[in-house]
Amino acid sequence: MSKGMISKQQIRREIEAQRRVLDAQWLKAASARVVANLQSLEVFQSSETIALYMAITGEVNLDSLFPKCRELGKCTCIPVFNAKTKLYEMAEITPETECFTGHYGIQEPLSPALFPMGNVDLVVVPGVAFDREGSRLGRGGGYYDRLLEGFSGASVAVAFDFQVLPKIPLEQHDKPVDILVTETETEIVNVLQ
């Protein structure tokens, strides 16, 4: 880390403090704008299988996207934690899927129908902070970095404007995203293969 660059832990503390005090109405409206921007992407429109996530407090809420994807004939899946491997795997989610509060307080399917990551076209990625080069700072477990390892589809980070910083400190294992979407902008940060 270069001299003067803020640490990952400090960034997490500062952004999490901001997320904890978000007004519920603002969060709902800003999430709706992020979702609209995400849906306008060509990569979203052309993807048949999309990995979404179940939001926790202060994250972009994607709940409205699940029925929209079904309406468009898209398959949706979400990460589920495998306690044996300590990794996240993908599981298909449908309107009939029953969920429980799992690892890190995140909603997960009670009886997951595992879905091969190789069949996923697009992964929508949450995070604590991002920069305009595609760098992502998560919660510190490296779960999405491992999930994206070897992934050949597109990855789109969704965030609020205040989560986009000039520079995120990187480590060798950190995996960048391809596209960054906020409530006010969409930016291709890595050239899609």
N, C-alpha and C. Protein backbone atom coordinates (compact mmCIF):
# COMPACT_ATOMS: atom_id res chain seq x y z
N MET A 1 0.85 -1.17 0.00
CA MET A 1 0.00 0.00 0.00
C MET A 1 0.90 1.23 0.00
N SER A 2 0.59 2.19 -0.88
CA SER A 2 1.42 3.38 -0.99
C SER A 2 1.19 4.30 0.20
N LYS A 3 2.20 5.12 0.47
CA LYS A 3 2.13 6.06 1.58
C LYS A 3 0.94 7.00 1.39
N GLY A 4 0.18 7.17 2.43
CA GLY A 4 -0.96 8.06 2.37
C GLY A 4 -2.25 7.38 1.96
N MET A 5 -2.18 6.14 1.46
CA MET A 5 -3.40 5.44 1.07
C MET A 5 -4.08 4.88 2.32
N ILE A 6 -5.37 5.06 2.38
CA ILE A 6 -6.16 4.59 3.51
C ILE A 6 -6.23 3.06 3.49
N SER A 7 -6.28 2.43 4.66
CA SER A 7 -6.30 0.97 4.72
C SER A 7 -7.69 0.42 4.39
N LYS A 8 -7.73 -0.86 4.02
CA LYS A 8 -9.00 -1.52 3.73
C LYS A 8 -9.91 -1.47 4.95
N GLN A 9 -9.33 -1.71 6.14
CA GLN A 9 -10.14 -1.71 7.36
C GLN A 9 -10.75 -0.34 7.61
N GLN A 10 -10.00 0.73 7.38
CA GLN A 10 -10.52 2.08 7.58
C GLN A 10 -11.64 2.39 6.58
N ILE A 11 -11.45 1.98 5.33
CA ILE A 11 -12.49 2.18 4.32
C ILE A 11 -13.76 1.45 4.75
N ARG A 12 -13.61 0.18 5.18
CA ARG A 12 -14.79 -0.57 5.62
C ARG A 12 -15.51 0.13 6.75
N ARG A 13 -14.76 0.60 7.75
CA ARG A 13 -15.38 1.29 8.89
C ARG A 13 -16.14 2.53 8.44
N GLU A 14 -15.53 3.33 7.58
CA GLU A 14 -16.15 4.59 7.15
C GLU A 14 -17.39 4.35 6.29
N ILE A 15 -17.30 3.44 5.33
CA ILE A 15 -18.45 3.17 4.46
C ILE A 15 -19.57 2.49 5.24
N GLU A 16 -19.22 1.52 6.08
CA GLU A 16 -20.25 0.85 6.88
C GLU A 16 -20.97 1.84 7.79
N ALA A 17 -20.27 2.81 8.34
CA ALA A 17 -20.91 3.84 9.18
C ALA A 17 -21.91 4.63 8.35
N GLN A 18 -21.57 4.94 7.12
CA GLN A 18 -22.50 5.66 6.24
C GLN A 18 -23.70 4.80 5.88
N ARG A 19 -23.46 3.51 5.63
CA ARG A 19 -24.56 2.62 5.25
C ARG A 19 -25.55 2.40 6.39
N ARG A 20 -25.04 2.37 7.62
CA ARG A 20 -25.92 2.13 8.77
C ARG A 20 -26.94 3.24 8.98
N VAL A 21 -26.65 4.45 8.53
CA VAL A 21 -27.56 5.58 8.79
C VAL A 21 -28.37 6.00 7.56
N LEU A 22 -28.38 5.17 6.53
CA LEU A 22 -29.15 5.51 5.34
C LEU A 22 -30.64 5.55 5.65
N ASP A 23 -31.30 6.56 5.16
CA ASP A 23 -32.74 6.69 5.28
C ASP A 23 -33.42 5.61 4.43
N ALA A 24 -34.43 4.96 4.99
CA ALA A 24 -35.10 3.85 4.30
C ALA A 24 -35.70 4.28 2.96
N GLN A 25 -36.27 5.46 2.90
CA GLN A 25 -36.86 5.96 1.65
C GLN A 25 -35.77 6.21 0.61
N TRP A 26 -34.68 6.82 1.05
CA TRP A 26 -33.56 7.08 0.13
C TRP A 26 -33.01 5.75 -0.40
N LEU A 27 -32.82 4.78 0.50
CA LEU A 27 -32.29 3.48 0.12
C LEU A 27 -33.18 2.80 -0.92
N LYS A 28 -34.48 2.87 -0.71
CA LYS A 28 -35.43 2.26 -1.66
C LYS A 28 -35.36 2.94 -3.02
N ALA A 29 -35.37 4.28 -3.03
CA ALA A 29 -35.34 5.03 -4.29
C ALA A 29 -34.01 4.85 -5.02
N ALA A 30 -32.90 4.92 -4.28
CA ALA A 30 -31.58 4.77 -4.91
C ALA A 30 -31.40 3.35 -5.43
N SER A 31 -31.86 2.35 -4.68
CA SER A 31 -31.79 0.95 -5.15
C SER A 31 -32.57 0.79 -6.44
N ALA A 32 -33.75 1.40 -6.52
CA ALA A 32 -34.57 1.31 -7.75
C ALA A 32 -33.84 1.91 -8.94
N ARG A 33 -33.12 3.01 -8.73
CA ARG A 33 -32.36 3.63 -9.83
C ARG A 33 -31.19 2.74 -10.25
N VAL A 34 -30.52 2.12 -9.27
CA VAL A 34 -29.42 1.20 -9.60
C VAL A 34 -29.96 0.03 -10.43
N VAL A 35 -31.07 -0.54 -9.98
CA VAL A 35 -31.68 -1.68 -10.69
C VAL A 35 -32.07 -1.28 -12.12
N ALA A 36 -32.63 -0.09 -12.29
CA ALA A 36 -33.00 0.38 -13.64
C ALA A 36 -31.76 0.51 -14.52
N ASN A 37 -30.69 1.06 -13.96
CA ASN A 37 -29.44 1.18 -14.73
C ASN A 37 -28.87 -0.19 -15.08
N LEU A 38 -28.94 -1.12 -14.15
CA LEU A 38 -28.46 -2.48 -14.39
C LEU A 38 -29.25 -3.13 -15.53
N GLN A 39 -30.58 -2.99 -15.49
CA GLN A 39 -31.43 -3.60 -16.52
C GLN A 39 -31.19 -3.01 -17.91
N SER A 40 -30.68 -1.81 -17.98
CA SER A 40 -30.44 -1.18 -19.28
C SER A 40 -29.17 -1.69 -19.96
N LEU A 41 -28.33 -2.42 -19.22
CA LEU A 41 -27.09 -2.93 -19.80
C LEU A 41 -27.36 -4.03 -20.82
N GLU A 42 -26.65 -4.00 -21.93
CA GLU A 42 -26.77 -5.03 -22.96
C GLU A 42 -26.43 -6.40 -22.37
N VAL A 43 -25.41 -6.46 -21.51
CA VAL A 43 -25.00 -7.74 -20.94
C VAL A 43 -26.10 -8.31 -20.04
N PHE A 44 -26.85 -7.47 -19.38
CA PHE A 44 -28.00 -7.94 -18.59
C PHE A 44 -29.08 -8.49 -19.52
N GLN A 45 -29.39 -7.71 -20.55
CA GLN A 45 -30.47 -8.09 -21.46
C GLN A 45 -30.17 -9.40 -22.19
N SER A 46 -28.90 -9.63 -22.52
CA SER A 46 -28.53 -10.83 -23.28
C SER A 46 -28.24 -12.05 -22.40
N SER A 47 -28.12 -11.87 -21.11
CA SER A 47 -27.80 -12.99 -20.21
C SER A 47 -29.03 -13.84 -19.94
N GLU A 48 -28.84 -15.16 -19.99
CA GLU A 48 -29.93 -16.09 -19.69
C GLU A 48 -29.96 -16.48 -18.22
N THR A 49 -28.79 -16.55 -17.60
CA THR A 49 -28.70 -16.93 -16.19
C THR A 49 -27.93 -15.85 -15.44
N ILE A 50 -28.57 -15.31 -14.41
CA ILE A 50 -27.98 -14.19 -13.68
C ILE A 50 -27.87 -14.55 -12.20
N ALA A 51 -26.68 -14.38 -11.66
CA ALA A 51 -26.46 -14.57 -10.23
C ALA A 51 -26.69 -13.23 -9.54
N LEU A 52 -27.67 -13.21 -8.67
CA LEU A 52 -27.99 -12.02 -7.89
C LEU A 52 -27.55 -12.26 -6.44
N TYR A 53 -27.96 -11.43 -5.54
CA TYR A 53 -27.68 -11.66 -4.12
C TYR A 53 -28.85 -11.14 -3.30
N MET A 54 -28.93 -11.61 -2.07
CA MET A 54 -29.94 -11.14 -1.13
C MET A 54 -29.27 -10.06 -0.28
N ALA A 55 -29.77 -8.84 -0.38
CA ALA A 55 -29.13 -7.69 0.27
C ALA A 55 -29.21 -7.76 1.79
N ILE A 56 -28.15 -7.24 2.41
CA ILE A 56 -28.15 -7.00 3.84
C ILE A 56 -28.27 -5.49 4.04
N THR A 57 -28.36 -5.06 5.27
CA THR A 57 -28.56 -3.65 5.60
C THR A 57 -27.56 -2.75 4.87
N GLY A 58 -28.08 -1.76 4.17
CA GLY A 58 -27.25 -0.76 3.52
C GLY A 58 -26.76 -1.13 2.13
N GLU A 59 -27.04 -2.35 1.67
CA GLU A 59 -26.65 -2.75 0.31
C GLU A 59 -27.75 -2.38 -0.68
N VAL A 60 -27.37 -2.30 -1.95
CA VAL A 60 -28.35 -2.11 -3.01
C VAL A 60 -29.32 -3.29 -2.95
N ASN A 61 -30.61 -2.99 -2.82
CA ASN A 61 -31.63 -4.02 -2.71
C ASN A 61 -32.08 -4.45 -4.10
N LEU A 62 -31.93 -5.74 -4.38
CA LEU A 62 -32.26 -6.29 -5.70
C LEU A 62 -33.57 -7.06 -5.72
N ASP A 63 -34.36 -6.97 -4.65
CA ASP A 63 -35.59 -7.78 -4.57
C ASP A 63 -36.49 -7.64 -5.79
N SER A 64 -36.60 -6.44 -6.34
CA SER A 64 -37.49 -6.23 -7.50
C SER A 64 -36.96 -6.90 -8.76
N LEU A 65 -35.69 -7.25 -8.76
CA LEU A 65 -35.07 -7.84 -9.95
C LEU A 65 -35.42 -9.32 -10.12
N PHE A 66 -35.68 -10.02 -9.03
CA PHE A 66 -36.01 -11.44 -9.12
C PHE A 66 -37.26 -11.68 -9.97
N PRO A 67 -38.40 -11.02 -9.67
CA PRO A 67 -39.58 -11.24 -10.53
C PRO A 67 -39.39 -10.70 -11.94
N LYS A 68 -38.64 -9.61 -12.09
CA LYS A 68 -38.39 -9.06 -13.42
C LYS A 68 -37.62 -10.07 -14.28
N CYS A 69 -36.61 -10.71 -13.68
CA CYS A 69 -35.85 -11.72 -14.41
C CYS A 69 -36.75 -12.88 -14.83
N ARG A 70 -37.62 -13.32 -13.93
CA ARG A 70 -38.56 -14.41 -14.28
C ARG A 70 -39.46 -13.99 -15.42
N GLU A 71 -39.95 -12.75 -15.36
CA GLU A 71 -40.82 -12.21 -16.41
C GLU A 71 -40.11 -12.22 -17.77
N LEU A 72 -38.80 -11.99 -17.75
CA LEU A 72 -38.00 -11.96 -18.97
C LEU A 72 -37.50 -13.34 -19.38
N GLY A 73 -37.86 -14.38 -18.61
CA GLY A 73 -37.45 -15.74 -18.94
C GLY A 73 -36.03 -16.08 -18.52
N LYS A 74 -35.48 -15.32 -17.60
CA LYS A 74 -34.11 -15.56 -17.13
C LYS A 74 -34.12 -16.44 -15.88
N CYS A 75 -33.12 -17.25 -15.76
CA CYS A 75 -32.91 -18.06 -14.56
C CYS A 75 -32.12 -17.20 -13.56
N THR A 76 -32.50 -17.26 -12.29
CA THR A 76 -31.75 -16.52 -11.27
C THR A 76 -31.20 -17.49 -10.23
N CYS A 77 -30.03 -17.16 -9.74
CA CYS A 77 -29.43 -17.94 -8.67
C CYS A 77 -28.78 -16.97 -7.68
N ILE A 78 -28.53 -17.47 -6.48
CA ILE A 78 -27.89 -16.66 -5.44
C ILE A 78 -26.80 -17.49 -4.76
N PRO A 79 -25.85 -16.83 -4.13
CA PRO A 79 -24.80 -17.57 -3.41
C PRO A 79 -25.36 -18.24 -2.15
N VAL A 80 -24.90 -19.47 -1.92
CA VAL A 80 -25.19 -20.18 -0.67
C VAL A 80 -23.85 -20.63 -0.08
N PHE A 81 -23.74 -20.54 1.22
CA PHE A 81 -22.48 -20.87 1.88
C PHE A 81 -22.38 -22.37 2.12
N ASN A 82 -21.25 -22.95 1.70
CA ASN A 82 -20.96 -24.35 1.96
C ASN A 82 -20.05 -24.41 3.18
N ALA A 83 -20.59 -24.86 4.31
CA ALA A 83 -19.83 -24.87 5.56
C ALA A 83 -18.62 -25.79 5.51
N LYS A 84 -18.68 -26.85 4.69
CA LYS A 84 -17.56 -27.79 4.59
C LYS A 84 -16.38 -27.18 3.86
N THR A 85 -16.65 -26.52 2.73
CA THR A 85 -15.56 -25.96 1.92
C THR A 85 -15.25 -24.52 2.28
N LYS A 86 -16.13 -23.88 3.06
CA LYS A 86 -16.01 -22.46 3.42
C LYS A 86 -16.04 -21.57 2.18
N LEU A 87 -16.79 -22.01 1.18
CA LEU A 87 -16.94 -21.26 -0.07
C LEU A 87 -18.42 -21.05 -0.36
N TYR A 88 -18.69 -20.06 -1.18
CA TYR A 88 -20.04 -19.87 -1.68
C TYR A 88 -20.20 -20.64 -2.98
N GLU A 89 -21.37 -21.24 -3.13
CA GLU A 89 -21.77 -21.91 -4.36
C GLU A 89 -23.05 -21.24 -4.83
N MET A 90 -23.44 -21.48 -6.06
CA MET A 90 -24.67 -20.89 -6.57
C MET A 90 -25.82 -21.88 -6.45
N ALA A 91 -26.99 -21.33 -6.12
CA ALA A 91 -28.21 -22.13 -6.05
C ALA A 91 -29.32 -21.38 -6.76
N GLU A 92 -30.07 -22.12 -7.57
CA GLU A 92 -31.20 -21.50 -8.27
C GLU A 92 -32.24 -21.04 -7.26
N ILE A 93 -32.87 -19.91 -7.56
CA ILE A 93 -33.93 -19.40 -6.69
C ILE A 93 -35.17 -19.12 -7.53
N THR A 94 -36.30 -19.61 -7.04
CA THR A 94 -37.58 -19.44 -7.72
C THR A 94 -38.57 -18.85 -6.71
N PRO A 95 -39.79 -18.51 -7.15
CA PRO A 95 -40.77 -17.99 -6.19
C PRO A 95 -41.10 -18.99 -5.07
N GLU A 96 -40.91 -20.28 -5.34
CA GLU A 96 -41.22 -21.31 -4.35
C GLU A 96 -40.08 -21.56 -3.36
N THR A 97 -38.92 -21.00 -3.60
CA THR A 97 -37.76 -21.25 -2.76
C THR A 97 -37.97 -20.68 -1.36
N GLU A 98 -37.85 -21.56 -0.36
CA GLU A 98 -37.91 -21.11 1.04
C GLU A 98 -36.50 -20.76 1.49
N CYS A 99 -36.38 -19.64 2.20
CA CYS A 99 -35.06 -19.19 2.64
C CYS A 99 -34.98 -19.12 4.16
N PHE A 100 -33.75 -19.11 4.64
CA PHE A 100 -33.47 -18.92 6.06
C PHE A 100 -32.30 -17.96 6.18
N THR A 101 -32.07 -17.44 7.37
CA THR A 101 -30.94 -16.54 7.58
C THR A 101 -29.70 -17.39 7.78
N GLY A 102 -28.78 -17.31 6.83
CA GLY A 102 -27.59 -18.15 6.84
C GLY A 102 -26.34 -17.39 7.27
N HIS A 103 -25.23 -17.79 6.68
CA HIS A 103 -23.91 -17.23 6.99
C HIS A 103 -23.92 -15.72 6.82
N TYR A 104 -23.33 -15.01 7.76
CA TYR A 104 -23.25 -13.54 7.76
C TYR A 104 -24.62 -12.87 7.79
N GLY A 105 -25.66 -13.59 8.20
CA GLY A 105 -26.99 -12.99 8.27
C GLY A 105 -27.65 -12.80 6.92
N ILE A 106 -27.18 -13.53 5.92
CA ILE A 106 -27.69 -13.41 4.55
C ILE A 106 -28.73 -14.50 4.30
N GLN A 107 -29.82 -14.13 3.64
CA GLN A 107 -30.86 -15.09 3.29
C GLN A 107 -30.32 -16.09 2.26
N GLU A 108 -30.55 -17.39 2.55
CA GLU A 108 -30.11 -18.47 1.66
C GLU A 108 -31.24 -19.48 1.53
N PRO A 109 -31.28 -20.23 0.42
CA PRO A 109 -32.30 -21.26 0.25
C PRO A 109 -32.17 -22.35 1.32
N LEU A 110 -33.31 -22.78 1.85
CA LEU A 110 -33.34 -23.83 2.86
C LEU A 110 -32.85 -25.15 2.28
N SER A 111 -33.32 -25.49 1.08
CA SER A 111 -32.89 -26.71 0.38
C SER A 111 -32.35 -26.28 -0.98
N PRO A 112 -31.08 -25.88 -1.03
CA PRO A 112 -30.57 -25.30 -2.28
C PRO A 112 -30.49 -26.30 -3.43
N ALA A 113 -30.94 -25.85 -4.60
CA ALA A 113 -30.75 -26.59 -5.85
C ALA A 113 -29.49 -26.00 -6.48
N LEU A 114 -28.35 -26.65 -6.22
CA LEU A 114 -27.07 -26.09 -6.67
C LEU A 114 -27.03 -25.94 -8.18
N PHE A 115 -26.37 -24.88 -8.59
CA PHE A 115 -26.33 -24.48 -9.99
C PHE A 115 -24.86 -24.29 -10.37
N PRO A 116 -24.38 -24.94 -11.44
CA PRO A 116 -22.96 -24.82 -11.81
C PRO A 116 -22.58 -23.37 -12.17
N MET A 117 -21.52 -22.89 -11.60
CA MET A 117 -21.05 -21.53 -11.87
C MET A 117 -20.74 -21.34 -13.36
N GLY A 118 -20.33 -22.40 -14.02
CA GLY A 118 -20.04 -22.33 -15.45
C GLY A 118 -21.25 -22.03 -16.31
N ASN A 119 -22.45 -22.21 -15.75
CA ASN A 119 -23.69 -21.92 -16.49
C ASN A 119 -24.20 -20.51 -16.25
N VAL A 120 -23.51 -19.75 -15.42
CA VAL A 120 -23.93 -18.38 -15.10
C VAL A 120 -23.33 -17.43 -16.14
N ASP A 121 -24.16 -16.55 -16.68
CA ASP A 121 -23.69 -15.58 -17.67
C ASP A 121 -23.23 -14.27 -17.03
N LEU A 122 -23.90 -13.89 -15.95
CA LEU A 122 -23.66 -12.59 -15.33
C LEU A 122 -23.75 -12.72 -13.82
N VAL A 123 -22.76 -12.19 -13.12
CA VAL A 123 -22.79 -12.14 -11.66
C VAL A 123 -22.92 -10.69 -11.23
N VAL A 124 -23.95 -10.40 -10.44
CA VAL A 124 -24.14 -9.07 -9.86
C VAL A 124 -23.50 -9.11 -8.48
N VAL A 125 -22.53 -8.23 -8.27
CA VAL A 125 -21.65 -8.30 -7.11
C VAL A 125 -21.88 -7.14 -6.15
N PRO A 126 -22.13 -7.46 -4.87
CA PRO A 126 -22.19 -6.39 -3.87
C PRO A 126 -20.79 -6.08 -3.37
N GLY A 127 -20.67 -5.10 -2.54
CA GLY A 127 -19.38 -4.78 -1.94
C GLY A 127 -19.49 -3.58 -1.03
N VAL A 128 -18.42 -3.32 -0.33
CA VAL A 128 -18.36 -2.17 0.57
C VAL A 128 -17.97 -0.92 -0.21
N ALA A 129 -16.94 -1.06 -1.07
CA ALA A 129 -16.46 0.09 -1.84
C ALA A 129 -15.85 -0.39 -3.14
N PHE A 130 -15.78 0.54 -4.11
CA PHE A 130 -15.26 0.24 -5.44
C PHE A 130 -14.49 1.45 -5.94
N ASP A 131 -13.66 1.22 -6.98
CA ASP A 131 -13.08 2.36 -7.68
C ASP A 131 -13.37 2.21 -9.17
N ARG A 132 -12.98 3.20 -9.95
CA ARG A 132 -13.33 3.23 -11.37
C ARG A 132 -12.43 2.35 -12.24
N GLU A 133 -11.54 1.61 -11.60
CA GLU A 133 -10.73 0.63 -12.33
C GLU A 133 -11.27 -0.78 -12.13
N GLY A 134 -12.41 -0.89 -11.43
CA GLY A 134 -13.01 -2.19 -11.21
C GLY A 134 -12.60 -2.86 -9.92
N SER A 135 -11.76 -2.21 -9.14
CA SER A 135 -11.35 -2.80 -7.86
C SER A 135 -12.53 -2.80 -6.91
N ARG A 136 -12.62 -3.87 -6.13
CA ARG A 136 -13.74 -4.07 -5.21
C ARG A 136 -13.21 -4.38 -3.82
N LEU A 137 -13.83 -3.77 -2.84
CA LEU A 137 -13.53 -4.07 -1.45
C LEU A 137 -14.78 -4.69 -0.84
N GLY A 138 -14.67 -5.95 -0.44
CA GLY A 138 -15.80 -6.63 0.17
C GLY A 138 -15.73 -6.53 1.68
N ARG A 139 -16.35 -7.49 2.33
CA ARG A 139 -16.42 -7.47 3.79
C ARG A 139 -15.20 -8.10 4.44
N GLY A 140 -14.30 -8.67 3.64
CA GLY A 140 -13.04 -9.15 4.18
C GLY A 140 -12.84 -10.65 4.17
N GLY A 141 -13.81 -11.42 3.71
CA GLY A 141 -13.66 -12.87 3.69
C GLY A 141 -13.11 -13.43 2.40
N GLY A 142 -13.06 -12.63 1.34
CA GLY A 142 -12.56 -13.09 0.05
C GLY A 142 -13.52 -14.02 -0.69
N TYR A 143 -14.78 -14.08 -0.24
CA TYR A 143 -15.72 -15.04 -0.83
C TYR A 143 -16.02 -14.74 -2.30
N TYR A 144 -16.28 -13.49 -2.64
CA TYR A 144 -16.56 -13.17 -4.04
C TYR A 144 -15.30 -13.27 -4.89
N ASP A 145 -14.13 -12.98 -4.32
CA ASP A 145 -12.89 -13.16 -5.07
C ASP A 145 -12.75 -14.62 -5.49
N ARG A 146 -13.02 -15.54 -4.57
CA ARG A 146 -12.93 -16.97 -4.90
C ARG A 146 -14.05 -17.39 -5.85
N LEU A 147 -15.23 -16.82 -5.67
CA LEU A 147 -16.35 -17.13 -6.56
C LEU A 147 -16.05 -16.71 -8.00
N LEU A 148 -15.41 -15.56 -8.15
CA LEU A 148 -15.10 -15.04 -9.49
C LEU A 148 -13.83 -15.64 -10.10
N GLU A 149 -13.06 -16.36 -9.30
CA GLU A 149 -11.84 -17.00 -9.80
C GLU A 149 -12.19 -17.95 -10.94
N GLY A 150 -11.67 -17.69 -12.11
CA GLY A 150 -11.92 -18.54 -13.27
C GLY A 150 -13.28 -18.34 -13.92
N PHE A 151 -14.09 -17.42 -13.41
CA PHE A 151 -15.41 -17.16 -13.99
C PHE A 151 -15.24 -16.48 -15.34
N SER A 152 -15.91 -17.01 -16.37
CA SER A 152 -15.71 -16.47 -17.72
C SER A 152 -16.82 -15.52 -18.17
N GLY A 153 -17.87 -15.38 -17.36
CA GLY A 153 -18.95 -14.46 -17.71
C GLY A 153 -18.61 -13.04 -17.30
N ALA A 154 -19.63 -12.20 -17.27
CA ALA A 154 -19.45 -10.79 -16.90
C ALA A 154 -19.78 -10.59 -15.43
N SER A 155 -19.08 -9.64 -14.82
CA SER A 155 -19.37 -9.28 -13.43
C SER A 155 -19.71 -7.80 -13.37
N VAL A 156 -20.81 -7.51 -12.68
CA VAL A 156 -21.28 -6.14 -12.54
C VAL A 156 -21.39 -5.81 -11.06
N ALA A 157 -20.67 -4.80 -10.63
CA ALA A 157 -20.78 -4.32 -9.26
C ALA A 157 -21.91 -3.32 -9.18
N VAL A 158 -22.74 -3.44 -8.15
CA VAL A 158 -23.79 -2.46 -7.91
C VAL A 158 -23.50 -1.77 -6.58
N ALA A 159 -23.61 -0.45 -6.59
CA ALA A 159 -23.25 0.33 -5.41
C ALA A 159 -23.95 1.68 -5.46
N PHE A 160 -23.84 2.41 -4.37
CA PHE A 160 -24.31 3.78 -4.33
C PHE A 160 -23.11 4.69 -4.60
N ASP A 161 -23.38 5.88 -5.09
CA ASP A 161 -22.30 6.81 -5.45
C ASP A 161 -21.27 6.99 -4.33
N PHE A 162 -21.72 7.05 -3.08
CA PHE A 162 -20.78 7.31 -1.98
C PHE A 162 -19.82 6.14 -1.74
N GLN A 163 -20.09 4.99 -2.35
CA GLN A 163 -19.22 3.83 -2.22
C GLN A 163 -18.11 3.80 -3.28
N VAL A 164 -18.15 4.72 -4.22
CA VAL A 164 -17.14 4.77 -5.29
C VAL A 164 -16.05 5.74 -4.85
N LEU A 165 -14.85 5.21 -4.67
CA LEU A 165 -13.72 5.98 -4.17
C LEU A 165 -12.67 6.17 -5.26
N PRO A 166 -11.77 7.13 -5.08
CA PRO A 166 -10.73 7.34 -6.10
C PRO A 166 -9.84 6.11 -6.31
N LYS A 167 -9.53 5.39 -5.23
CA LYS A 167 -8.64 4.23 -5.34
C LYS A 167 -8.89 3.28 -4.17
N ILE A 168 -8.95 2.00 -4.48
CA ILE A 168 -9.09 0.95 -3.47
C ILE A 168 -7.74 0.23 -3.38
N PRO A 169 -7.21 0.01 -2.18
CA PRO A 169 -5.97 -0.76 -2.07
C PRO A 169 -6.23 -2.21 -2.48
N LEU A 170 -5.36 -2.75 -3.31
CA LEU A 170 -5.52 -4.10 -3.85
C LEU A 170 -4.48 -5.05 -3.30
N GLU A 171 -4.87 -6.33 -3.25
CA GLU A 171 -3.94 -7.41 -2.97
C GLU A 171 -4.01 -8.35 -4.16
N GLN A 172 -3.04 -9.24 -4.25
CA GLN A 172 -2.93 -10.11 -5.43
C GLN A 172 -4.19 -10.95 -5.67
N HIS A 173 -4.88 -11.38 -4.62
CA HIS A 173 -6.05 -12.26 -4.77
C HIS A 173 -7.33 -11.50 -5.12
N ASP A 174 -7.32 -10.18 -5.06
CA ASP A 174 -8.53 -9.39 -5.32
C ASP A 174 -8.91 -9.45 -6.79
N LYS A 175 -10.18 -9.76 -7.05
CA LYS A 175 -10.68 -9.88 -8.42
C LYS A 175 -11.48 -8.64 -8.79
N PRO A 176 -11.11 -7.97 -9.89
CA PRO A 176 -11.87 -6.79 -10.32
C PRO A 176 -13.19 -7.18 -10.98
N VAL A 177 -14.08 -6.21 -11.08
CA VAL A 177 -15.35 -6.40 -11.78
C VAL A 177 -15.24 -5.76 -13.16
N ASP A 178 -16.17 -6.11 -14.05
CA ASP A 178 -16.15 -5.60 -15.42
C ASP A 178 -16.89 -4.27 -15.56
N ILE A 179 -17.98 -4.14 -14.83
CA ILE A 179 -18.85 -2.97 -14.96
C ILE A 179 -19.24 -2.49 -13.57
N LEU A 180 -19.31 -1.18 -13.41
CA LEU A 180 -19.74 -0.57 -12.15
C LEU A 180 -21.03 0.20 -12.41
N VAL A 181 -22.07 -0.09 -11.63
CA VAL A 181 -23.37 0.57 -11.78
C VAL A 181 -23.76 1.20 -10.45
N THR A 182 -24.08 2.50 -10.49
CA THR A 182 -24.59 3.19 -9.31
C THR A 182 -25.95 3.79 -9.66
N GLU A 183 -26.50 4.57 -8.74
CA GLU A 183 -27.80 5.19 -8.99
C GLU A 183 -27.72 6.31 -10.02
N THR A 184 -26.50 6.81 -10.32
CA THR A 184 -26.38 7.91 -11.28
C THR A 184 -25.55 7.58 -12.51
N GLU A 185 -24.86 6.43 -12.51
CA GLU A 185 -23.99 6.16 -13.66
C GLU A 185 -23.74 4.67 -13.87
N THR A 186 -23.30 4.38 -15.08
CA THR A 186 -22.85 3.05 -15.46
C THR A 186 -21.50 3.22 -16.13
N GLU A 187 -20.54 2.46 -15.68
CA GLU A 187 -19.19 2.60 -16.22
C GLU A 187 -18.58 1.24 -16.49
N ILE A 188 -18.13 1.03 -17.73
CA ILE A 188 -17.39 -0.19 -18.05
C ILE A 188 -15.97 0.05 -17.59
N VAL A 189 -15.53 -0.78 -16.65
CA VAL A 189 -14.23 -0.55 -16.05
C VAL A 189 -13.17 -1.54 -16.51
N ASN A 190 -13.60 -2.68 -17.04
CA ASN A 190 -12.69 -3.66 -17.62
C ASN A 190 -13.30 -4.11 -18.94
N VAL A 191 -12.49 -4.30 -19.94
CA VAL A 191 -13.00 -4.72 -21.24
C VAL A 191 -13.50 -6.16 -21.13
N LEU A 192 -14.76 -6.37 -21.49
CA LEU A 192 -15.33 -7.72 -21.45
C LEU A 192 -14.72 -8.56 -22.56
N GLN A 193 -14.38 -9.79 -22.21
CA GLN A 193 -13.76 -10.70 -23.18
C GLN A 193 -14.78 -11.16 -24.19
